[in-house]
């Protein structure tokens, strides 16, 4: 058995922090969305009307939508309205698009589906497809599309400046209230030179 070296150990610790098994994990799951991920979604889906980004952080998603309602539960370095707990807030909008806190992803989806008139798009770990409670949610609220990133997205904590590719696979999960049919899967391949 090969003993992991310094680089492998560092990668393992990084993955554990994102998944939630590390003391270094951001308490608020604040891992900003890379612009390339938002651009990839916009190449595949249209969002006409009002957009709410309920976990806006520094605005990495909200900036792509003029007039976006941007809110966050936190108070520090927030792009939009501060101190708004999405899970306790009721606003009717056309679309909700966010990279939710991983530990609250299902709650975010369920609440977003109650507030949005048209589409909900969530950037989640690919493993979000698993789970007994999510099975019921997907059964009651079928997905339109899952866009799987073929290469890993560079995700770091807000305070970190160095971007590196994550060990965790991510996907955009898209619900469309006007869609009826089977869920389909598509892949997003981003040229390495564009990953930032």
C-alpha atoms as a PDB file:
ATOM      1  CA  UNK A   1       0.000   0.000   0.000  1.00  0.00           C
ATOM      2  CA  UNK A   2       1.325   3.425  -0.991  1.00  0.00           C
ATOM      3  CA  UNK A   3       1.592   5.965   1.803  1.00  0.00           C
ATOM      4  CA  UNK A   4       0.089   9.285   0.714  1.00  0.00           C
ATOM      5  CA  UNK A   5       2.568  12.084   0.088  1.00  0.00           C
ATOM      6  CA  UNK A   6       2.224  15.732   1.054  1.00  0.00           C
ATOM      7  CA  UNK A   7       0.289  16.656  -2.119  1.00  0.00           C
ATOM      8  CA  UNK A   8      -2.161  13.744  -1.793  1.00  0.00           C
ATOM      9  CA  UNK A   9      -2.685  14.537   1.901  1.00  0.00           C
ATOM     10  CA  UNK A  10      -3.368  18.197   1.078  1.00  0.00           C
ATOM     11  CA  UNK A  11      -5.908  17.192  -1.598  1.00  0.00           C
ATOM     12  CA  UNK A  12      -7.616  14.834   0.820  1.00  0.00           C
ATOM     13  CA  UNK A  13      -7.902  17.553   3.472  1.00  0.00           C
ATOM     14  CA  UNK A  14      -9.326  19.968   0.856  1.00  0.00           C
ATOM     15  CA  UNK A  15     -11.969  17.428  -0.199  1.00  0.00           C
ATOM     16  CA  UNK A  16     -12.862  16.696   3.418  1.00  0.00           C
ATOM     17  CA  UNK A  17     -13.356  20.395   4.135  1.00  0.00           C
ATOM     18  CA  UNK A  18     -15.805  20.764   1.237  1.00  0.00           C
ATOM     19  CA  UNK A  19     -17.687  17.559   1.978  1.00  0.00           C
ATOM     20  CA  UNK A  20     -17.970  18.483   5.631  1.00  0.00           C
ATOM     21  CA  UNK A  21     -15.561  16.204   7.463  1.00  0.00           C
ATOM     22  CA  UNK A  22     -12.931  18.761   8.341  1.00  0.00           C
ATOM     23  CA  UNK A  23     -12.348  21.303  11.072  1.00  0.00           C
ATOM     24  CA  UNK A  24     -11.323  23.783   8.357  1.00  0.00           C
ATOM     25  CA  UNK A  25     -14.716  23.693   6.630  1.00  0.00           C
ATOM     26  CA  UNK A  26     -16.314  27.131   6.367  1.00  0.00           C
ATOM     27  CA  UNK A  27     -19.023  27.334   9.042  1.00  0.00           C
ATOM     28  CA  UNK A  28     -21.489  28.984   6.632  1.00  0.00           C
ATOM     29  CA  UNK A  29     -20.491  26.801   3.635  1.00  0.00           C
ATOM     30  CA  UNK A  30     -19.291  29.921   1.850  1.00  0.00           C
ATOM     31  CA  UNK A  31     -17.611  28.565  -1.270  1.00  0.00           C
ATOM     32  CA  UNK A  32     -18.101  31.181  -4.031  1.00  0.00           C
ATOM     33  CA  UNK A  33     -19.333  30.047  -7.424  1.00  0.00           C
ATOM     34  CA  UNK A  34     -16.759  30.360 -10.219  1.00  0.00           C
ATOM     35  CA  UNK A  35     -17.956  32.640 -13.021  1.00  0.00           C
ATOM     36  CA  UNK A  36     -17.361  29.882 -15.574  1.00  0.00           C
ATOM     37  CA  UNK A  37     -20.043  27.779 -13.838  1.00  0.00           C
ATOM     38  CA  UNK A  38     -22.646  30.549 -14.172  1.00  0.00           C
ATOM     39  CA  UNK A  39     -21.663  31.178 -17.796  1.00  0.00           C
ATOM     40  CA  UNK A  40     -22.068  27.470 -18.572  1.00  0.00           C
ATOM     41  CA  UNK A  41     -25.581  27.502 -17.087  1.00  0.00           C
ATOM     42  CA  UNK A  42     -26.556  30.599 -19.083  1.00  0.00           C
ATOM     43  CA  UNK A  43     -25.376  28.954 -22.312  1.00  0.00           C
ATOM     44  CA  UNK A  44     -27.923  26.195 -21.668  1.00  0.00           C
ATOM     45  CA  UNK A  45     -30.869  27.818 -19.869  1.00  0.00           C
ATOM     46  CA  UNK A  46     -32.694  31.157 -20.155  1.00  0.00           C
ATOM     47  CA  UNK A  47     -34.078  33.037 -17.157  1.00  0.00           C
ATOM     48  CA  UNK A  48     -36.471  35.798 -18.207  1.00  0.00           C
ATOM     49  CA  UNK A  49     -38.035  37.815 -15.406  1.00  0.00           C
ATOM     50  CA  UNK A  50     -37.026  38.323 -11.796  1.00  0.00           C
ATOM     51  CA  UNK A  51     -34.147  36.312 -10.342  1.00  0.00           C
ATOM     52  CA  UNK A  52     -33.455  35.820  -6.639  1.00  0.00           C
ATOM     53  CA  UNK A  53     -30.015  34.712  -5.467  1.00  0.00           C
ATOM     54  CA  UNK A  54     -30.637  33.848  -1.781  1.00  0.00           C
ATOM     55  CA  UNK A  55     -27.063  32.880  -0.816  1.00  0.00           C
ATOM     56  CA  UNK A  56     -25.367  35.644  -2.771  1.00  0.00           C
ATOM     57  CA  UNK A  57     -22.117  36.002  -0.832  1.00  0.00           C
ATOM     58  CA  UNK A  58     -19.887  38.339  -2.807  1.00  0.00           C
ATOM     59  CA  UNK A  59     -22.253  38.283  -5.797  1.00  0.00           C
ATOM     60  CA  UNK A  60     -20.604  35.773  -8.116  1.00  0.00           C
ATOM     61  CA  UNK A  61     -24.002  34.598  -9.460  1.00  0.00           C
ATOM     62  CA  UNK A  62     -26.091  37.743  -8.881  1.00  0.00           C
ATOM     63  CA  UNK A  63     -23.802  39.908 -11.039  1.00  0.00           C
ATOM     64  CA  UNK A  64     -24.900  37.955 -14.116  1.00  0.00           C
ATOM     65  CA  UNK A  65     -28.549  39.008 -13.666  1.00  0.00           C
ATOM     66  CA  UNK A  66     -29.326  42.733 -13.875  1.00  0.00           C
ATOM     67  CA  UNK A  67     -31.894  43.658 -11.224  1.00  0.00           C
ATOM     68  CA  UNK A  68     -31.276  40.405  -9.348  1.00  0.00           C
ATOM     69  CA  UNK A  69     -32.642  40.221  -5.809  1.00  0.00           C
ATOM     70  CA  UNK A  70     -29.473  39.279  -3.932  1.00  0.00           C
ATOM     71  CA  UNK A  71     -29.686  38.272  -0.261  1.00  0.00           C
ATOM     72  CA  UNK A  72     -27.565  36.388   2.251  1.00  0.00           C
ATOM     73  CA  UNK A  73     -27.906  35.347   5.880  1.00  0.00           C
ATOM     74  CA  UNK A  74     -24.428  36.680   6.603  1.00  0.00           C
ATOM     75  CA  UNK A  75     -23.453  40.290   7.289  1.00  0.00           C
ATOM     76  CA  UNK A  76     -19.802  40.383   6.190  1.00  0.00           C
ATOM     77  CA  UNK A  77     -18.702  41.180   2.615  1.00  0.00           C
ATOM     78  CA  UNK A  78     -22.170  40.646   1.157  1.00  0.00           C
ATOM     79  CA  UNK A  79     -23.055  41.839  -2.333  1.00  0.00           C
ATOM     80  CA  UNK A  80     -26.763  42.318  -1.652  1.00  0.00           C
ATOM     81  CA  UNK A  81     -29.171  42.515   1.264  1.00  0.00           C
ATOM     82  CA  UNK A  82     -27.542  41.310   4.493  1.00  0.00           C
ATOM     83  CA  UNK A  83     -29.026  39.196   7.281  1.00  0.00           C
ATOM     84  CA  UNK A  84     -31.810  37.557   5.253  1.00  0.00           C
ATOM     85  CA  UNK A  85     -32.474  33.922   6.206  1.00  0.00           C
ATOM     86  CA  UNK A  86     -33.759  32.433   2.951  1.00  0.00           C
ATOM     87  CA  UNK A  87     -35.492  29.550   4.712  1.00  0.00           C
ATOM     88  CA  UNK A  88     -37.618  32.026   6.701  1.00  0.00           C
ATOM     89  CA  UNK A  89     -38.166  34.524   3.890  1.00  0.00           C
ATOM     90  CA  UNK A  90     -41.129  34.425   1.488  1.00  0.00           C
ATOM     91  CA  UNK A  91     -40.829  36.262  -1.819  1.00  0.00           C
ATOM     92  CA  UNK A  92     -42.489  35.352  -5.085  1.00  0.00           C
ATOM     93  CA  UNK A  93     -40.096  35.581  -8.039  1.00  0.00           C
ATOM     94  CA  UNK A  94     -39.732  34.002 -11.463  1.00  0.00           C
ATOM     95  CA  UNK A  95     -36.453  32.179 -10.797  1.00  0.00           C
ATOM     96  CA  UNK A  96     -34.173  31.222  -7.944  1.00  0.00           C
ATOM     97  CA  UNK A  97     -30.550  30.487  -8.796  1.00  0.00           C
ATOM     98  CA  UNK A  98     -27.923  29.762  -6.156  1.00  0.00           C
ATOM     99  CA  UNK A  99     -25.044  27.705  -4.870  1.00  0.00           C
ATOM    100  CA  UNK A 100     -26.732  26.694  -1.593  1.00  0.00           C
ATOM    101  CA  UNK A 101     -24.991  25.858   1.683  1.00  0.00           C
ATOM    102  CA  UNK A 102     -24.221  22.163   1.223  1.00  0.00           C
ATOM    103  CA  UNK A 103     -25.635  21.134   4.567  1.00  0.00           C
ATOM    104  CA  UNK A 104     -28.951  22.878   3.746  1.00  0.00           C
ATOM    105  CA  UNK A 105     -29.194  22.068   0.042  1.00  0.00           C
ATOM    106  CA  UNK A 106     -32.424  20.056   0.232  1.00  0.00           C
ATOM    107  CA  UNK A 107     -34.134  22.665   2.399  1.00  0.00           C
ATOM    108  CA  UNK A 108     -33.036  25.369  -0.055  1.00  0.00           C
ATOM    109  CA  UNK A 109     -34.455  23.423  -3.010  1.00  0.00           C
ATOM    110  CA  UNK A 110     -37.784  22.742  -1.312  1.00  0.00           C
ATOM    111  CA  UNK A 111     -38.218  26.366  -0.246  1.00  0.00           C
ATOM    112  CA  UNK A 112     -37.098  27.678  -3.648  1.00  0.00           C
ATOM    113  CA  UNK A 113     -39.705  25.503  -5.363  1.00  0.00           C
ATOM    114  CA  UNK A 114     -42.365  27.155  -3.195  1.00  0.00           C
ATOM    115  CA  UNK A 115     -41.172  30.695  -4.019  1.00  0.00           C
ATOM    116  CA  UNK A 116     -40.259  30.473  -7.723  1.00  0.00           C
ATOM    117  CA  UNK A 117     -42.920  30.679 -10.439  1.00  0.00           C
ATOM    118  CA  UNK A 118     -40.748  29.331 -13.263  1.00  0.00           C
ATOM    119  CA  UNK A 119     -37.288  27.816 -12.671  1.00  0.00           C
ATOM    120  CA  UNK A 120     -34.986  26.827  -9.849  1.00  0.00           C
ATOM    121  CA  UNK A 121     -31.293  26.183 -10.538  1.00  0.00           C
ATOM    122  CA  UNK A 122     -29.007  24.901  -7.793  1.00  0.00           C
ATOM    123  CA  UNK A 123     -25.279  24.218  -7.989  1.00  0.00           C
ATOM    124  CA  UNK A 124     -24.845  21.120  -5.833  1.00  0.00           C
ATOM    125  CA  UNK A 125     -22.539  18.202  -5.402  1.00  0.00           C
ATOM    126  CA  UNK A 126     -23.392  15.419  -7.842  1.00  0.00           C
ATOM    127  CA  UNK A 127     -24.072  13.191  -4.818  1.00  0.00           C
ATOM    128  CA  UNK A 128     -27.175  15.336  -4.220  1.00  0.00           C
ATOM    129  CA  UNK A 129     -28.929  12.803  -6.476  1.00  0.00           C
ATOM    130  CA  UNK A 130     -28.638  10.230  -3.677  1.00  0.00           C
ATOM    131  CA  UNK A 131     -30.639   9.811  -0.490  1.00  0.00           C
ATOM    132  CA  UNK A 132     -34.020   8.499   0.668  1.00  0.00           C
ATOM    133  CA  UNK A 133     -35.463  11.885   1.604  1.00  0.00           C
ATOM    134  CA  UNK A 134     -34.265  13.408  -1.662  1.00  0.00           C
ATOM    135  CA  UNK A 135     -35.825  10.491  -3.544  1.00  0.00           C
ATOM    136  CA  UNK A 136     -39.232  11.666  -2.323  1.00  0.00           C
ATOM    137  CA  UNK A 137     -38.407  15.262  -3.197  1.00  0.00           C
ATOM    138  CA  UNK A 138     -37.314  14.342  -6.735  1.00  0.00           C
ATOM    139  CA  UNK A 139     -40.404  12.169  -7.125  1.00  0.00           C
ATOM    140  CA  UNK A 140     -42.718  15.005  -6.058  1.00  0.00           C
ATOM    141  CA  UNK A 141     -40.752  17.708  -7.895  1.00  0.00           C
ATOM    142  CA  UNK A 142     -39.118  16.132 -10.960  1.00  0.00           C
ATOM    143  CA  UNK A 143     -36.004  17.755 -12.334  1.00  0.00           C
ATOM    144  CA  UNK A 144     -35.899  19.038 -15.881  1.00  0.00           C
ATOM    145  CA  UNK A 145     -32.151  18.684 -16.290  1.00  0.00           C
ATOM    146  CA  UNK A 146     -28.925  17.851 -14.520  1.00  0.00           C
ATOM    147  CA  UNK A 147     -25.838  19.482 -16.051  1.00  0.00           C
ATOM    148  CA  UNK A 148     -22.794  17.583 -14.826  1.00  0.00           C
ATOM    149  CA  UNK A 149     -19.415  19.288 -14.934  1.00  0.00           C
ATOM    150  CA  UNK A 150     -16.999  16.905 -16.657  1.00  0.00           C
ATOM    151  CA  UNK A 151     -14.044  18.702 -15.138  1.00  0.00           C
ATOM    152  CA  UNK A 152     -13.897  19.757 -11.521  1.00  0.00           C
ATOM    153  CA  UNK A 153     -14.772  23.319 -10.591  1.00  0.00           C
ATOM    154  CA  UNK A 154     -12.262  25.467  -8.718  1.00  0.00           C
ATOM    155  CA  UNK A 155     -13.917  26.079  -5.345  1.00  0.00           C
ATOM    156  CA  UNK A 156     -12.282  27.672  -2.340  1.00  0.00           C
ATOM    157  CA  UNK A 157     -13.441  29.475   0.771  1.00  0.00           C
ATOM    158  CA  UNK A 158     -14.249  33.168   0.283  1.00  0.00           C
ATOM    159  CA  UNK A 159     -11.137  34.209   2.185  1.00  0.00           C
ATOM    160  CA  UNK A 160      -8.752  32.102   0.072  1.00  0.00           C
ATOM    161  CA  UNK A 161      -7.225  33.683  -2.991  1.00  0.00           C
ATOM    162  CA  UNK A 162      -5.697  30.579  -4.546  1.00  0.00           C
ATOM    163  CA  UNK A 163      -8.135  28.738  -6.778  1.00  0.00           C
ATOM    164  CA  UNK A 164      -7.666  25.039  -7.316  1.00  0.00           C
ATOM    165  CA  UNK A 165      -9.903  22.392  -8.782  1.00  0.00           C
ATOM    166  CA  UNK A 166     -12.087  20.609  -6.287  1.00  0.00           C
ATOM    167  CA  UNK A 167     -12.003  16.866  -5.783  1.00  0.00           C
ATOM    168  CA  UNK A 168     -15.801  16.943  -5.573  1.00  0.00           C
ATOM    169  CA  UNK A 169     -17.954  16.628  -8.723  1.00  0.00           C
ATOM    170  CA  UNK A 170     -20.638  19.308  -9.107  1.00  0.00           C
ATOM    171  CA  UNK A 171     -23.693  19.779 -11.306  1.00  0.00           C
ATOM    172  CA  UNK A 172     -26.411  22.316 -11.968  1.00  0.00           C
ATOM    173  CA  UNK A 173     -29.790  20.888 -10.962  1.00  0.00           C
ATOM    174  CA  UNK A 174     -32.612  22.629 -12.853  1.00  0.00           C
ATOM    175  CA  UNK A 175     -36.338  22.465 -12.123  1.00  0.00           C
ATOM    176  CA  UNK A 176     -38.758  24.071 -14.604  1.00  0.00           C
ATOM    177  CA  UNK A 177     -42.386  24.320 -13.514  1.00  0.00           C
ATOM    178  CA  UNK A 178     -43.536  24.368 -17.171  1.00  0.00           C
ATOM    179  CA  UNK A 179     -41.649  21.161 -17.988  1.00  0.00           C
ATOM    180  CA  UNK A 180     -43.213  17.730 -17.965  1.00  0.00           C
ATOM    181  CA  UNK A 181     -41.262  14.701 -18.985  1.00  0.00           C
ATOM    182  CA  UNK A 182     -38.287  12.652 -17.952  1.00  0.00           C
ATOM    183  CA  UNK A 183     -35.258  14.180 -16.301  1.00  0.00           C
ATOM    184  CA  UNK A 184     -32.346  14.402 -18.695  1.00  0.00           C
ATOM    185  CA  UNK A 185     -28.631  14.643 -18.065  1.00  0.00           C
ATOM    186  CA  UNK A 186     -26.132  16.639 -20.058  1.00  0.00           C
ATOM    187  CA  UNK A 187     -22.460  17.316 -19.520  1.00  0.00           C
ATOM    188  CA  UNK A 188     -20.528  20.545 -19.329  1.00  0.00           C
ATOM    189  CA  UNK A 189     -16.938  20.350 -20.507  1.00  0.00           C
ATOM    190  CA  UNK A 190     -14.995  23.519 -19.854  1.00  0.00           C
ATOM    191  CA  UNK A 191     -11.671  23.931 -21.671  1.00  0.00           C
ATOM    192  CA  UNK A 192      -8.891  23.881 -19.059  1.00  0.00           C
ATOM    193  CA  UNK A 193      -7.647  27.301 -20.160  1.00  0.00           C
ATOM    194  CA  UNK A 194     -11.039  28.801 -19.185  1.00  0.00           C
ATOM    195  CA  UNK A 195     -11.139  27.374 -15.667  1.00  0.00           C
ATOM    196  CA  UNK A 196     -10.190  30.161 -13.288  1.00  0.00           C
END
